[in-house]
Amino acid sequence: MTLEELKEILINGSDEAKHKAISNAKVELLNAEIFHLLFDLLKDNNSNNRFFAIFHLIDKFSISLSNIKGVFIDDIYHSLFDEFAPIADRATWALSIVGDKALDKLMEKYHSGTIDTKIRITHAIGRGDFSKRTKDRVQILLAGLKSENQNLRFTAMCEMMSNTPIGPWSKSEWNSTQDKTIDFEDIYDTILPLARDFSKSENENYKGFSNRYINWIEKRKSL
């Protein structure tokens, strides 16, 4: 398969043909042209094409992603708000690969964004892996905990608790949570009254997660 044939399939081929072509392509064909073509597909009207693009940017071009800047970071950032949830999920992964420049972008957009933007960024901050800048990430999550918006407070609480040392996933999801300079005990003291408040909600989702966090924190305090 030639480069031109690969490009033709990626632009006009069926979903199955696209995946097969890029999966079987020789390394030398996966060059800057294909990299840029995937970024073009990232803005396609078809959600399948957008998902294909971000999936293979991560799968085939992770080194290139780690070196992008400017409008390329903007394109990945915008995918975080895609209406198709799997694309938004992969966008968090892609932003993690981009690293510090992506975290800087998220922090900038958080402070100037709407509530919906803040919530989506809070998810990305909580679920991503951005070098070892734990303190920067914690500051964003703490800001959410202080929000007057209930949904943002709840989202920030969930992401914070999932990433603390007492969270069952801390070792695999956020290795730098063991940063000894961060006072997690103070964070637990901040979250506990919020969790108790949410535990009284008629919203079963709020109630269930909050009771879980109360249990984690109370067990921690009893040690």
N, C-alpha and C. Protein backbone atom coordinates (compact mmCIF):
# COMPACT_ATOMS: atom_id res chain seq x y z
N MET A 1 0.84 -1.19 0.00
CA MET A 1 0.00 0.00 0.00
C MET A 1 0.88 1.25 0.00
N THR A 2 0.56 2.17 -0.87
CA THR A 2 1.31 3.43 -0.95
C THR A 2 0.72 4.46 0.00
N LEU A 3 1.45 5.55 0.18
CA LEU A 3 0.96 6.63 1.03
C LEU A 3 -0.33 7.21 0.46
N GLU A 4 -0.39 7.40 -0.83
CA GLU A 4 -1.59 7.96 -1.45
C GLU A 4 -2.78 7.03 -1.28
N GLU A 5 -2.55 5.74 -1.37
CA GLU A 5 -3.64 4.77 -1.17
C GLU A 5 -4.13 4.82 0.27
N LEU A 6 -3.20 4.91 1.20
CA LEU A 6 -3.58 5.00 2.61
C LEU A 6 -4.41 6.26 2.87
N LYS A 7 -3.96 7.38 2.34
CA LYS A 7 -4.70 8.64 2.52
C LYS A 7 -6.10 8.54 1.93
N GLU A 8 -6.23 7.93 0.77
CA GLU A 8 -7.53 7.79 0.12
C GLU A 8 -8.48 6.96 0.99
N ILE A 9 -7.96 5.88 1.55
CA ILE A 9 -8.81 5.03 2.41
C ILE A 9 -9.22 5.79 3.67
N LEU A 10 -8.29 6.51 4.27
CA LEU A 10 -8.60 7.22 5.51
C LEU A 10 -9.60 8.34 5.29
N ILE A 11 -9.62 8.89 4.09
CA ILE A 11 -10.55 9.98 3.78
C ILE A 11 -11.92 9.45 3.34
N ASN A 12 -11.91 8.41 2.49
CA ASN A 12 -13.16 7.99 1.84
C ASN A 12 -13.58 6.55 2.13
N GLY A 13 -12.75 5.79 2.82
CA GLY A 13 -13.06 4.40 3.06
C GLY A 13 -14.12 4.19 4.13
N SER A 14 -14.60 2.95 4.22
CA SER A 14 -15.55 2.58 5.26
C SER A 14 -14.83 2.56 6.61
N ASP A 15 -15.60 2.52 7.69
CA ASP A 15 -14.99 2.48 9.02
C ASP A 15 -14.07 1.27 9.14
N GLU A 16 -14.54 0.12 8.66
CA GLU A 16 -13.74 -1.10 8.75
C GLU A 16 -12.46 -0.97 7.92
N ALA A 17 -12.58 -0.40 6.73
CA ALA A 17 -11.41 -0.26 5.86
C ALA A 17 -10.39 0.70 6.47
N LYS A 18 -10.88 1.78 7.10
CA LYS A 18 -9.97 2.75 7.74
C LYS A 18 -9.14 2.07 8.83
N HIS A 19 -9.82 1.37 9.73
CA HIS A 19 -9.12 0.73 10.85
C HIS A 19 -8.13 -0.32 10.35
N LYS A 20 -8.57 -1.10 9.36
CA LYS A 20 -7.70 -2.14 8.83
C LYS A 20 -6.47 -1.52 8.17
N ALA A 21 -6.67 -0.46 7.40
CA ALA A 21 -5.57 0.17 6.67
C ALA A 21 -4.52 0.75 7.61
N ILE A 22 -4.96 1.51 8.60
CA ILE A 22 -3.98 2.15 9.49
C ILE A 22 -3.34 1.15 10.44
N SER A 23 -4.08 0.11 10.79
CA SER A 23 -3.53 -0.92 11.68
C SER A 23 -2.45 -1.73 10.98
N ASN A 24 -2.61 -1.94 9.66
CA ASN A 24 -1.66 -2.76 8.92
C ASN A 24 -0.60 -1.94 8.18
N ALA A 25 -0.70 -0.62 8.28
CA ALA A 25 0.24 0.24 7.54
C ALA A 25 1.66 0.08 8.07
N LYS A 26 2.62 0.10 7.16
CA LYS A 26 4.02 0.06 7.56
C LYS A 26 4.38 1.35 8.30
N VAL A 27 5.33 1.25 9.18
CA VAL A 27 5.72 2.38 10.02
C VAL A 27 6.09 3.61 9.18
N GLU A 28 6.77 3.38 8.08
CA GLU A 28 7.22 4.50 7.27
C GLU A 28 6.07 5.27 6.63
N LEU A 29 4.88 4.65 6.55
CA LEU A 29 3.72 5.35 6.00
C LEU A 29 3.05 6.25 7.03
N LEU A 30 3.32 5.99 8.30
CA LEU A 30 2.67 6.77 9.36
C LEU A 30 3.52 8.01 9.63
N ASN A 31 3.47 8.92 8.69
CA ASN A 31 4.32 10.10 8.71
C ASN A 31 3.53 11.35 9.08
N ALA A 32 4.14 12.50 8.90
CA ALA A 32 3.50 13.77 9.26
C ALA A 32 2.21 14.01 8.49
N GLU A 33 2.15 13.56 7.24
CA GLU A 33 0.93 13.75 6.44
C GLU A 33 -0.25 13.02 7.07
N ILE A 34 -0.02 11.79 7.50
CA ILE A 34 -1.09 11.02 8.14
C ILE A 34 -1.44 11.62 9.49
N PHE A 35 -0.44 12.07 10.20
CA PHE A 35 -0.67 12.74 11.48
C PHE A 35 -1.59 13.95 11.31
N HIS A 36 -1.31 14.78 10.33
CA HIS A 36 -2.13 15.96 10.06
C HIS A 36 -3.50 15.57 9.53
N LEU A 37 -3.56 14.50 8.74
CA LEU A 37 -4.85 14.03 8.22
C LEU A 37 -5.77 13.61 9.37
N LEU A 38 -5.20 12.94 10.38
CA LEU A 38 -6.00 12.54 11.54
C LEU A 38 -6.52 13.76 12.29
N PHE A 39 -5.71 14.80 12.37
CA PHE A 39 -6.20 16.02 13.02
C PHE A 39 -7.33 16.66 12.21
N ASP A 40 -7.27 16.54 10.89
CA ASP A 40 -8.39 17.02 10.06
C ASP A 40 -9.66 16.22 10.35
N LEU A 41 -9.51 14.90 10.48
CA LEU A 41 -10.66 14.04 10.77
C LEU A 41 -11.23 14.30 12.16
N LEU A 42 -10.39 14.82 13.03
CA LEU A 42 -10.84 15.14 14.39
C LEU A 42 -11.93 16.20 14.37
N LYS A 43 -12.03 16.95 13.28
CA LYS A 43 -13.04 18.00 13.16
C LYS A 43 -14.16 17.60 12.18
N ASP A 44 -14.19 16.33 11.81
CA ASP A 44 -15.18 15.83 10.85
C ASP A 44 -16.57 15.84 11.48
N ASN A 45 -17.60 15.97 10.64
CA ASN A 45 -18.99 15.96 11.13
C ASN A 45 -19.42 14.58 11.62
N ASN A 46 -18.77 13.55 11.13
CA ASN A 46 -19.12 12.17 11.49
C ASN A 46 -18.40 11.76 12.78
N SER A 47 -19.16 11.38 13.80
CA SER A 47 -18.55 11.03 15.08
C SER A 47 -17.65 9.80 14.97
N ASN A 48 -17.98 8.88 14.07
CA ASN A 48 -17.12 7.71 13.88
C ASN A 48 -15.74 8.12 13.38
N ASN A 49 -15.71 9.09 12.48
CA ASN A 49 -14.43 9.58 11.97
C ASN A 49 -13.65 10.31 13.06
N ARG A 50 -14.35 11.07 13.89
CA ARG A 50 -13.66 11.78 14.98
C ARG A 50 -13.08 10.78 15.98
N PHE A 51 -13.86 9.75 16.29
CA PHE A 51 -13.36 8.74 17.23
C PHE A 51 -12.16 8.00 16.62
N PHE A 52 -12.29 7.65 15.35
CA PHE A 52 -11.18 6.98 14.66
C PHE A 52 -9.91 7.83 14.76
N ALA A 53 -10.07 9.12 14.53
CA ALA A 53 -8.91 10.02 14.54
C ALA A 53 -8.23 10.07 15.90
N ILE A 54 -9.00 10.29 16.95
CA ILE A 54 -8.36 10.43 18.26
C ILE A 54 -7.84 9.10 18.77
N PHE A 55 -8.53 8.01 18.43
CA PHE A 55 -8.07 6.68 18.83
C PHE A 55 -6.69 6.40 18.24
N HIS A 56 -6.52 6.68 16.96
CA HIS A 56 -5.25 6.34 16.30
C HIS A 56 -4.18 7.40 16.51
N LEU A 57 -4.56 8.63 16.86
CA LEU A 57 -3.56 9.59 17.28
C LEU A 57 -2.88 9.09 18.56
N ILE A 58 -3.68 8.55 19.45
CA ILE A 58 -3.14 7.99 20.69
C ILE A 58 -2.36 6.71 20.41
N ASP A 59 -2.94 5.84 19.59
CA ASP A 59 -2.37 4.52 19.35
C ASP A 59 -1.10 4.55 18.50
N LYS A 60 -1.09 5.40 17.48
CA LYS A 60 0.01 5.39 16.52
C LYS A 60 0.97 6.58 16.64
N PHE A 61 0.52 7.65 17.28
CA PHE A 61 1.32 8.88 17.26
C PHE A 61 1.52 9.48 18.64
N SER A 62 1.68 8.66 19.65
CA SER A 62 1.81 9.20 21.01
C SER A 62 3.05 10.07 21.16
N ILE A 63 4.15 9.71 20.52
CA ILE A 63 5.36 10.53 20.61
C ILE A 63 5.14 11.88 19.95
N SER A 64 4.49 11.87 18.79
CA SER A 64 4.19 13.13 18.11
C SER A 64 3.23 13.97 18.94
N LEU A 65 2.25 13.34 19.58
CA LEU A 65 1.30 14.08 20.43
C LEU A 65 2.02 14.78 21.57
N SER A 66 3.02 14.14 22.12
CA SER A 66 3.73 14.73 23.27
C SER A 66 4.50 15.99 22.89
N ASN A 67 4.65 16.21 21.58
CA ASN A 67 5.42 17.38 21.12
C ASN A 67 4.58 18.45 20.44
N ILE A 68 3.26 18.30 20.42
CA ILE A 68 2.43 19.27 19.72
C ILE A 68 2.33 20.57 20.50
N LYS A 69 1.91 21.61 19.81
CA LYS A 69 1.70 22.91 20.45
C LYS A 69 0.63 23.67 19.68
N GLY A 70 0.24 24.82 20.21
CA GLY A 70 -0.67 25.72 19.50
C GLY A 70 -2.00 25.12 19.13
N VAL A 71 -2.36 25.24 17.84
CA VAL A 71 -3.69 24.85 17.38
C VAL A 71 -3.92 23.35 17.53
N PHE A 72 -2.86 22.56 17.51
CA PHE A 72 -3.03 21.13 17.69
C PHE A 72 -3.54 20.81 19.10
N ILE A 73 -3.01 21.51 20.09
CA ILE A 73 -3.51 21.34 21.45
C ILE A 73 -4.95 21.82 21.53
N ASP A 74 -5.26 22.90 20.85
CA ASP A 74 -6.63 23.42 20.82
C ASP A 74 -7.59 22.37 20.29
N ASP A 75 -7.19 21.66 19.23
CA ASP A 75 -8.05 20.65 18.62
C ASP A 75 -8.33 19.51 19.59
N ILE A 76 -7.30 19.06 20.30
CA ILE A 76 -7.51 18.00 21.29
C ILE A 76 -8.39 18.51 22.43
N TYR A 77 -8.13 19.74 22.86
CA TYR A 77 -8.93 20.34 23.93
C TYR A 77 -10.41 20.38 23.54
N HIS A 78 -10.71 20.80 22.33
CA HIS A 78 -12.10 20.88 21.89
C HIS A 78 -12.77 19.50 21.86
N SER A 79 -11.97 18.46 21.62
CA SER A 79 -12.52 17.10 21.62
C SER A 79 -13.00 16.69 23.00
N LEU A 80 -12.49 17.36 24.03
CA LEU A 80 -12.93 17.08 25.39
C LEU A 80 -14.41 17.36 25.58
N PHE A 81 -14.97 18.20 24.70
CA PHE A 81 -16.37 18.61 24.81
C PHE A 81 -17.23 17.96 23.73
N ASP A 82 -16.69 16.93 23.09
CA ASP A 82 -17.43 16.25 22.03
C ASP A 82 -18.71 15.64 22.59
N GLU A 83 -19.78 15.71 21.80
CA GLU A 83 -21.07 15.16 22.22
C GLU A 83 -21.04 13.65 22.32
N PHE A 84 -20.06 13.00 21.64
CA PHE A 84 -19.92 11.55 21.68
C PHE A 84 -18.96 11.21 22.81
N ALA A 85 -19.48 10.63 23.88
CA ALA A 85 -18.71 10.43 25.11
C ALA A 85 -17.38 9.69 24.91
N PRO A 86 -17.31 8.65 24.09
CA PRO A 86 -16.02 7.96 23.92
C PRO A 86 -14.92 8.88 23.38
N ILE A 87 -15.29 9.88 22.58
CA ILE A 87 -14.30 10.82 22.07
C ILE A 87 -13.81 11.71 23.20
N ALA A 88 -14.73 12.21 24.00
CA ALA A 88 -14.34 13.05 25.14
C ALA A 88 -13.45 12.28 26.10
N ASP A 89 -13.75 11.00 26.30
CA ASP A 89 -12.94 10.16 27.18
C ASP A 89 -11.53 10.02 26.63
N ARG A 90 -11.41 9.75 25.34
CA ARG A 90 -10.08 9.62 24.72
C ARG A 90 -9.34 10.96 24.72
N ALA A 91 -10.08 12.06 24.68
CA ALA A 91 -9.44 13.37 24.69
C ALA A 91 -8.66 13.58 25.99
N THR A 92 -9.21 13.13 27.11
CA THR A 92 -8.49 13.21 28.37
C THR A 92 -7.18 12.44 28.29
N TRP A 93 -7.23 11.26 27.69
CA TRP A 93 -6.04 10.44 27.50
C TRP A 93 -5.03 11.17 26.63
N ALA A 94 -5.51 11.72 25.52
CA ALA A 94 -4.62 12.43 24.60
C ALA A 94 -3.98 13.65 25.27
N LEU A 95 -4.77 14.40 26.03
CA LEU A 95 -4.24 15.56 26.73
C LEU A 95 -3.17 15.16 27.74
N SER A 96 -3.36 14.00 28.36
CA SER A 96 -2.35 13.50 29.29
C SER A 96 -1.04 13.24 28.58
N ILE A 97 -1.13 12.71 27.36
CA ILE A 97 0.08 12.46 26.57
C ILE A 97 0.76 13.78 26.22
N VAL A 98 -0.02 14.78 25.86
CA VAL A 98 0.54 16.10 25.55
C VAL A 98 1.31 16.64 26.75
N GLY A 99 0.75 16.43 27.95
CA GLY A 99 1.47 16.76 29.18
C GLY A 99 1.28 18.18 29.68
N ASP A 100 2.37 18.81 30.09
CA ASP A 100 2.30 20.09 30.78
C ASP A 100 1.60 21.18 29.98
N LYS A 101 1.84 21.21 28.69
CA LYS A 101 1.20 22.25 27.86
C LYS A 101 -0.32 22.08 27.87
N ALA A 102 -0.78 20.84 27.91
CA ALA A 102 -2.21 20.59 27.97
C ALA A 102 -2.78 20.98 29.33
N LEU A 103 -2.04 20.68 30.38
CA LEU A 103 -2.50 21.06 31.72
C LEU A 103 -2.59 22.57 31.84
N ASP A 104 -1.61 23.28 31.29
CA ASP A 104 -1.66 24.75 31.29
C ASP A 104 -2.92 25.24 30.59
N LYS A 105 -3.26 24.61 29.48
CA LYS A 105 -4.45 24.98 28.71
C LYS A 105 -5.71 24.73 29.54
N LEU A 106 -5.80 23.59 30.17
CA LEU A 106 -6.97 23.26 30.98
C LEU A 106 -7.13 24.23 32.14
N MET A 107 -6.04 24.58 32.78
CA MET A 107 -6.12 25.50 33.91
C MET A 107 -6.57 26.89 33.46
N GLU A 108 -6.04 27.32 32.33
CA GLU A 108 -6.44 28.62 31.79
C GLU A 108 -7.93 28.65 31.46
N LYS A 109 -8.41 27.60 30.79
CA LYS A 109 -9.81 27.54 30.38
C LYS A 109 -10.74 27.34 31.57
N TYR A 110 -10.25 26.67 32.60
CA TYR A 110 -11.08 26.48 33.79
C TYR A 110 -11.44 27.82 34.41
N HIS A 111 -10.45 28.65 34.59
CA HIS A 111 -10.68 29.92 35.31
C HIS A 111 -11.55 30.89 34.52
N SER A 112 -11.61 30.73 33.21
CA SER A 112 -12.41 31.65 32.40
C SER A 112 -13.69 31.00 31.86
N GLY A 113 -13.91 29.73 32.20
CA GLY A 113 -15.00 28.98 31.58
C GLY A 113 -16.33 29.04 32.29
N THR A 114 -17.35 28.58 31.61
CA THR A 114 -18.68 28.43 32.19
C THR A 114 -18.68 27.25 33.17
N ILE A 115 -19.77 27.07 33.87
CA ILE A 115 -19.88 25.95 34.80
C ILE A 115 -19.73 24.62 34.06
N ASP A 116 -20.38 24.50 32.91
CA ASP A 116 -20.27 23.25 32.15
C ASP A 116 -18.83 22.99 31.73
N THR A 117 -18.13 24.05 31.33
CA THR A 117 -16.72 23.92 30.96
C THR A 117 -15.90 23.49 32.17
N LYS A 118 -16.15 24.11 33.31
CA LYS A 118 -15.42 23.77 34.53
C LYS A 118 -15.64 22.30 34.91
N ILE A 119 -16.87 21.83 34.76
CA ILE A 119 -17.17 20.43 35.11
C ILE A 119 -16.41 19.47 34.21
N ARG A 120 -16.42 19.75 32.90
CA ARG A 120 -15.72 18.86 31.97
C ARG A 120 -14.22 18.89 32.23
N ILE A 121 -13.68 20.06 32.50
CA ILE A 121 -12.25 20.16 32.79
C ILE A 121 -11.91 19.48 34.11
N THR A 122 -12.80 19.58 35.09
CA THR A 122 -12.59 18.91 36.37
C THR A 122 -12.47 17.41 36.17
N HIS A 123 -13.33 16.85 35.32
CA HIS A 123 -13.21 15.42 34.99
C HIS A 123 -11.84 15.13 34.39
N ALA A 124 -11.42 15.95 33.44
CA ALA A 124 -10.14 15.72 32.77
C ALA A 124 -8.96 15.86 33.72
N ILE A 125 -9.02 16.86 34.60
CA ILE A 125 -7.96 17.07 35.58
C ILE A 125 -7.88 15.87 36.53
N GLY A 126 -9.04 15.39 36.93
CA GLY A 126 -9.08 14.27 37.88
C GLY A 126 -8.69 12.95 37.28
N ARG A 127 -8.97 12.75 36.00
CA ARG A 127 -8.74 11.45 35.37
C ARG A 127 -7.50 11.39 34.51
N GLY A 128 -6.87 12.55 34.30
CA GLY A 128 -5.68 12.57 33.47
C GLY A 128 -4.42 12.27 34.26
N ASP A 129 -3.31 12.29 33.56
CA ASP A 129 -2.01 12.06 34.19
C ASP A 129 -1.06 13.10 33.63
N PHE A 130 -0.88 14.19 34.33
CA PHE A 130 -0.09 15.31 33.83
C PHE A 130 1.20 15.46 34.63
N SER A 131 2.25 14.75 34.19
CA SER A 131 3.56 14.77 34.83
C SER A 131 3.41 14.62 36.34
N LYS A 132 4.09 15.46 37.10
CA LYS A 132 4.00 15.33 38.56
C LYS A 132 3.46 16.61 39.18
N ARG A 133 2.68 17.34 38.41
CA ARG A 133 2.17 18.63 38.92
C ARG A 133 0.91 18.42 39.75
N THR A 134 1.07 17.63 40.79
CA THR A 134 -0.06 17.30 41.65
C THR A 134 -0.68 18.55 42.26
N LYS A 135 0.16 19.47 42.71
CA LYS A 135 -0.36 20.66 43.39
C LYS A 135 -1.25 21.49 42.47
N ASP A 136 -0.85 21.65 41.22
CA ASP A 136 -1.67 22.41 40.27
C ASP A 136 -3.03 21.75 40.10
N ARG A 137 -3.03 20.43 40.00
CA ARG A 137 -4.28 19.71 39.81
C ARG A 137 -5.16 19.79 41.05
N VAL A 138 -4.53 19.65 42.20
CA VAL A 138 -5.27 19.75 43.46
C VAL A 138 -5.93 21.12 43.60
N GLN A 139 -5.24 22.17 43.19
CA GLN A 139 -5.80 23.51 43.30
C GLN A 139 -7.06 23.67 42.46
N ILE A 140 -7.09 23.07 41.29
CA ILE A 140 -8.30 23.12 40.46
C ILE A 140 -9.44 22.38 41.14
N LEU A 141 -9.15 21.20 41.67
CA LEU A 141 -10.19 20.42 42.33
C LEU A 141 -10.68 21.11 43.60
N LEU A 142 -9.78 21.74 44.34
CA LEU A 142 -10.19 22.49 45.53
C LEU A 142 -11.08 23.68 45.16
N ALA A 143 -10.78 24.32 44.04
CA ALA A 143 -11.61 25.43 43.59
C ALA A 143 -13.03 24.95 43.32
N GLY A 144 -13.14 23.77 42.73
CA GLY A 144 -14.46 23.21 42.47
C GLY A 144 -15.22 22.89 43.73
N LEU A 145 -14.51 22.44 44.75
CA LEU A 145 -15.15 22.13 46.03
C LEU A 145 -15.79 23.36 46.66
N LYS A 146 -15.26 24.53 46.33
CA LYS A 146 -15.75 25.78 46.92
C LYS A 146 -16.81 26.46 46.05
N SER A 147 -17.14 25.84 44.91
CA SER A 147 -18.10 26.46 43.99
C SER A 147 -19.50 26.51 44.59
N GLU A 148 -20.26 27.51 44.18
CA GLU A 148 -21.66 27.60 44.60
C GLU A 148 -22.53 26.65 43.79
N ASN A 149 -21.99 26.13 42.68
CA ASN A 149 -22.75 25.22 41.83
C ASN A 149 -22.66 23.79 42.37
N GLN A 150 -23.80 23.19 42.60
CA GLN A 150 -23.86 21.86 43.20
C GLN A 150 -23.19 20.80 42.34
N ASN A 151 -23.45 20.82 41.04
CA ASN A 151 -22.87 19.81 40.16
C ASN A 151 -21.35 19.89 40.12
N LEU A 152 -20.84 21.10 40.11
CA LEU A 152 -19.38 21.27 40.09
C LEU A 152 -18.78 20.82 41.42
N ARG A 153 -19.43 21.17 42.53
CA ARG A 153 -18.93 20.71 43.83
C ARG A 153 -18.87 19.19 43.90
N PHE A 154 -19.94 18.56 43.43
CA PHE A 154 -20.00 17.10 43.48
C PHE A 154 -18.93 16.48 42.58
N THR A 155 -18.78 17.02 41.38
CA THR A 155 -17.77 16.50 40.45
C THR A 155 -16.38 16.64 41.04
N ALA A 156 -16.08 17.81 41.60
CA ALA A 156 -14.77 18.04 42.20
C ALA A 156 -14.53 17.09 43.37
N MET A 157 -15.56 16.86 44.17
CA MET A 157 -15.44 15.94 45.30
C MET A 157 -15.11 14.53 44.81
N CYS A 158 -15.82 14.08 43.80
CA CYS A 158 -15.59 12.72 43.28
C CYS A 158 -14.18 12.57 42.71
N GLU A 159 -13.75 13.54 41.92
CA GLU A 159 -12.42 13.45 41.31
C GLU A 159 -11.32 13.56 42.38
N MET A 160 -11.53 14.42 43.35
CA MET A 160 -10.54 14.55 44.41
C MET A 160 -10.42 13.24 45.20
N MET A 161 -11.56 12.67 45.60
CA MET A 161 -11.52 11.46 46.40
C MET A 161 -10.97 10.27 45.63
N SER A 162 -11.23 10.23 44.34
CA SER A 162 -10.71 9.13 43.53
C SER A 162 -9.19 9.18 43.43
N ASN A 163 -8.62 10.33 43.68
CA ASN A 163 -7.18 10.51 43.51
C ASN A 163 -6.41 10.70 44.80
N THR A 164 -7.07 10.62 45.93
CA THR A 164 -6.36 10.75 47.20
C THR A 164 -5.71 9.42 47.58
N PRO A 165 -4.76 9.45 48.50
CA PRO A 165 -4.10 8.20 48.91
C PRO A 165 -5.04 7.16 49.50
N ILE A 166 -6.20 7.56 50.00
CA ILE A 166 -7.13 6.57 50.56
C ILE A 166 -8.10 6.04 49.51
N GLY A 167 -8.05 6.60 48.29
CA GLY A 167 -8.88 6.07 47.22
C GLY A 167 -8.32 4.74 46.74
N PRO A 168 -9.16 3.75 46.46
CA PRO A 168 -8.68 2.41 46.08
C PRO A 168 -7.93 2.37 44.76
N TRP A 169 -8.03 3.46 43.96
CA TRP A 169 -7.36 3.45 42.65
C TRP A 169 -6.12 4.34 42.62
N SER A 170 -5.72 4.89 43.75
CA SER A 170 -4.66 5.90 43.74
C SER A 170 -3.34 5.39 43.17
N LYS A 171 -3.01 4.15 43.41
CA LYS A 171 -1.72 3.65 42.95
C LYS A 171 -1.65 3.55 41.43
N SER A 172 -2.79 3.30 40.79
CA SER A 172 -2.76 3.12 39.34
C SER A 172 -3.16 4.38 38.58
N GLU A 173 -3.95 5.25 39.18
CA GLU A 173 -4.48 6.38 38.44
C GLU A 173 -3.72 7.69 38.64
N TRP A 174 -3.11 7.84 39.77
CA TRP A 174 -2.45 9.12 40.04
C TRP A 174 -1.29 8.88 40.99
N ASN A 175 -0.20 8.36 40.49
CA ASN A 175 0.90 7.92 41.34
C ASN A 175 1.46 9.02 42.21
N SER A 176 1.35 10.26 41.75
CA SER A 176 1.96 11.36 42.50
C SER A 176 1.09 11.85 43.65
N THR A 177 -0.02 11.16 43.94
CA THR A 177 -0.83 11.57 45.09
C THR A 177 -0.10 11.36 46.40
N GLN A 178 0.98 10.64 46.35
CA GLN A 178 1.73 10.42 47.58
C GLN A 178 2.63 11.61 47.93
N ASP A 179 2.49 12.71 47.22
CA ASP A 179 3.25 13.94 47.47
C ASP A 179 3.08 14.35 48.94
N LYS A 180 4.17 14.28 49.67
CA LYS A 180 4.11 14.53 51.12
C LYS A 180 3.89 16.00 51.47
N THR A 181 4.04 16.89 50.49
CA THR A 181 3.86 18.31 50.78
C THR A 181 2.40 18.74 50.70
N ILE A 182 1.53 17.83 50.29
CA ILE A 182 0.10 18.15 50.20
C ILE A 182 -0.60 17.62 51.45
N ASP A 183 -1.34 18.47 52.11
CA ASP A 183 -2.02 18.08 53.35
C ASP A 183 -3.37 17.45 53.01
N PHE A 184 -3.34 16.15 52.74
CA PHE A 184 -4.58 15.47 52.40
C PHE A 184 -5.53 15.39 53.59
N GLU A 185 -4.98 15.40 54.79
CA GLU A 185 -5.86 15.36 55.96
C GLU A 185 -6.75 16.60 55.98
N ASP A 186 -6.20 17.73 55.61
CA ASP A 186 -6.98 18.97 55.54
C ASP A 186 -8.03 18.86 54.43
N ILE A 187 -7.65 18.21 53.33
CA ILE A 187 -8.60 18.02 52.23
C ILE A 187 -9.76 17.14 52.68
N TYR A 188 -9.46 16.08 53.44
CA TYR A 188 -10.53 15.23 53.94
C TYR A 188 -11.47 16.02 54.85
N ASP A 189 -10.90 16.91 55.65
CA ASP A 189 -11.72 17.74 56.53
C ASP A 189 -12.62 18.68 55.72
N THR A 190 -12.16 19.09 54.57
CA THR A 190 -12.96 19.95 53.69
C THR A 190 -14.08 19.15 53.03
N ILE A 191 -13.76 17.93 52.64
CA ILE A 191 -14.73 17.11 51.89
C ILE A 191 -15.79 16.49 52.79
N LEU A 192 -15.43 16.12 54.00
CA LEU A 192 -16.36 15.38 54.86
C LEU A 192 -17.71 16.08 55.03
N PRO A 193 -17.76 17.39 55.38
CA PRO A 193 -19.07 18.04 55.52
C PRO A 193 -19.82 18.13 54.19
N LEU A 194 -19.09 18.26 53.08
CA LEU A 194 -19.74 18.27 51.77
C LEU A 194 -20.38 16.92 51.50
N ALA A 195 -19.63 15.86 51.78
CA ALA A 195 -20.15 14.51 51.54
C ALA A 195 -21.37 14.23 52.42
N ARG A 196 -21.33 14.70 53.65
CA ARG A 196 -22.47 14.49 54.55
C ARG A 196 -23.70 15.24 54.04
N ASP A 197 -23.46 16.42 53.48
CA ASP A 197 -24.56 17.19 52.91
C ASP A 197 -25.14 16.48 51.69
N PHE A 198 -24.27 16.01 50.81
CA PHE A 198 -24.73 15.31 49.61
C PHE A 198 -25.41 13.98 49.96
N SER A 199 -25.02 13.37 51.06
CA SER A 199 -25.60 12.08 51.45
C SER A 199 -27.08 12.20 51.83
N LYS A 200 -27.53 13.42 52.06
CA LYS A 200 -28.94 13.66 52.41
C LYS A 200 -29.79 13.96 51.17
N SER A 201 -29.12 14.00 50.01
CA SER A 201 -29.81 14.36 48.77
C SER A 201 -30.77 13.26 48.33
N GLU A 202 -31.80 13.65 47.59
CA GLU A 202 -32.70 12.67 46.99
C GLU A 202 -32.09 12.06 45.73
N ASN A 203 -31.01 12.66 45.25
CA ASN A 203 -30.30 12.13 44.09
C ASN A 203 -29.50 10.91 44.54
N GLU A 204 -29.85 9.74 44.01
CA GLU A 204 -29.22 8.50 44.45
C GLU A 204 -27.72 8.48 44.11
N ASN A 205 -27.36 9.11 43.00
CA ASN A 205 -25.95 9.16 42.62
C ASN A 205 -25.15 9.97 43.64
N TYR A 206 -25.67 11.14 43.99
CA TYR A 206 -25.03 11.96 45.01
C TYR A 206 -24.91 11.17 46.32
N LYS A 207 -26.01 10.55 46.71
CA LYS A 207 -26.07 9.85 47.99
C LYS A 207 -25.09 8.68 48.04
N GLY A 208 -25.08 7.88 46.98
CA GLY A 208 -24.24 6.69 46.97
C GLY A 208 -22.76 7.00 47.04
N PHE A 209 -22.30 7.92 46.19
CA PHE A 209 -20.89 8.26 46.20
C PHE A 209 -20.49 8.95 47.50
N SER A 210 -21.36 9.80 48.01
CA SER A 210 -21.04 10.53 49.23
C SER A 210 -20.90 9.60 50.42
N ASN A 211 -21.79 8.62 50.54
CA ASN A 211 -21.68 7.66 51.64
C ASN A 211 -20.38 6.86 51.54
N ARG A 212 -19.97 6.56 50.31
CA ARG A 212 -18.71 5.86 50.10
C ARG A 212 -17.54 6.70 50.62
N TYR A 213 -17.54 7.99 50.29
CA TYR A 213 -16.44 8.86 50.70
C TYR A 213 -16.44 9.08 52.21
N ILE A 214 -17.62 9.20 52.79
CA ILE A 214 -17.71 9.33 54.25
C ILE A 214 -17.07 8.12 54.90
N ASN A 215 -17.36 6.95 54.37
CA ASN A 215 -16.80 5.71 54.91
C ASN A 215 -15.28 5.70 54.80
N TRP A 216 -14.76 6.10 53.64
CA TRP A 216 -13.30 6.14 53.47
C TRP A 216 -12.65 7.07 54.48
N ILE A 217 -13.21 8.26 54.60
CA ILE A 217 -12.60 9.28 55.47
C ILE A 217 -12.70 8.88 56.93
N GLU A 218 -13.86 8.37 57.34
CA GLU A 218 -14.03 7.99 58.74
C GLU A 218 -13.11 6.83 59.12
N LYS A 219 -12.91 5.91 58.17
CA LYS A 219 -11.97 4.81 58.42
C LYS A 219 -10.56 5.37 58.58
N ARG A 220 -10.22 6.33 57.75
CA ARG A 220 -8.91 6.94 57.81
C ARG A 220 -8.69 7.61 59.17
N LYS A 221 -9.70 8.33 59.63
CA LYS A 221 -9.59 9.07 60.87
C LYS A 221 -9.56 8.15 62.09
N SER A 222 -10.05 6.93 61.94
CA SER A 222 -10.08 6.00 63.07
C SER A 222 -8.76 5.26 63.26
N LEU A 223 -7.85 5.40 62.28
CA LEU A 223 -6.56 4.70 62.37
C LEU A 223 -5.66 5.31 63.46
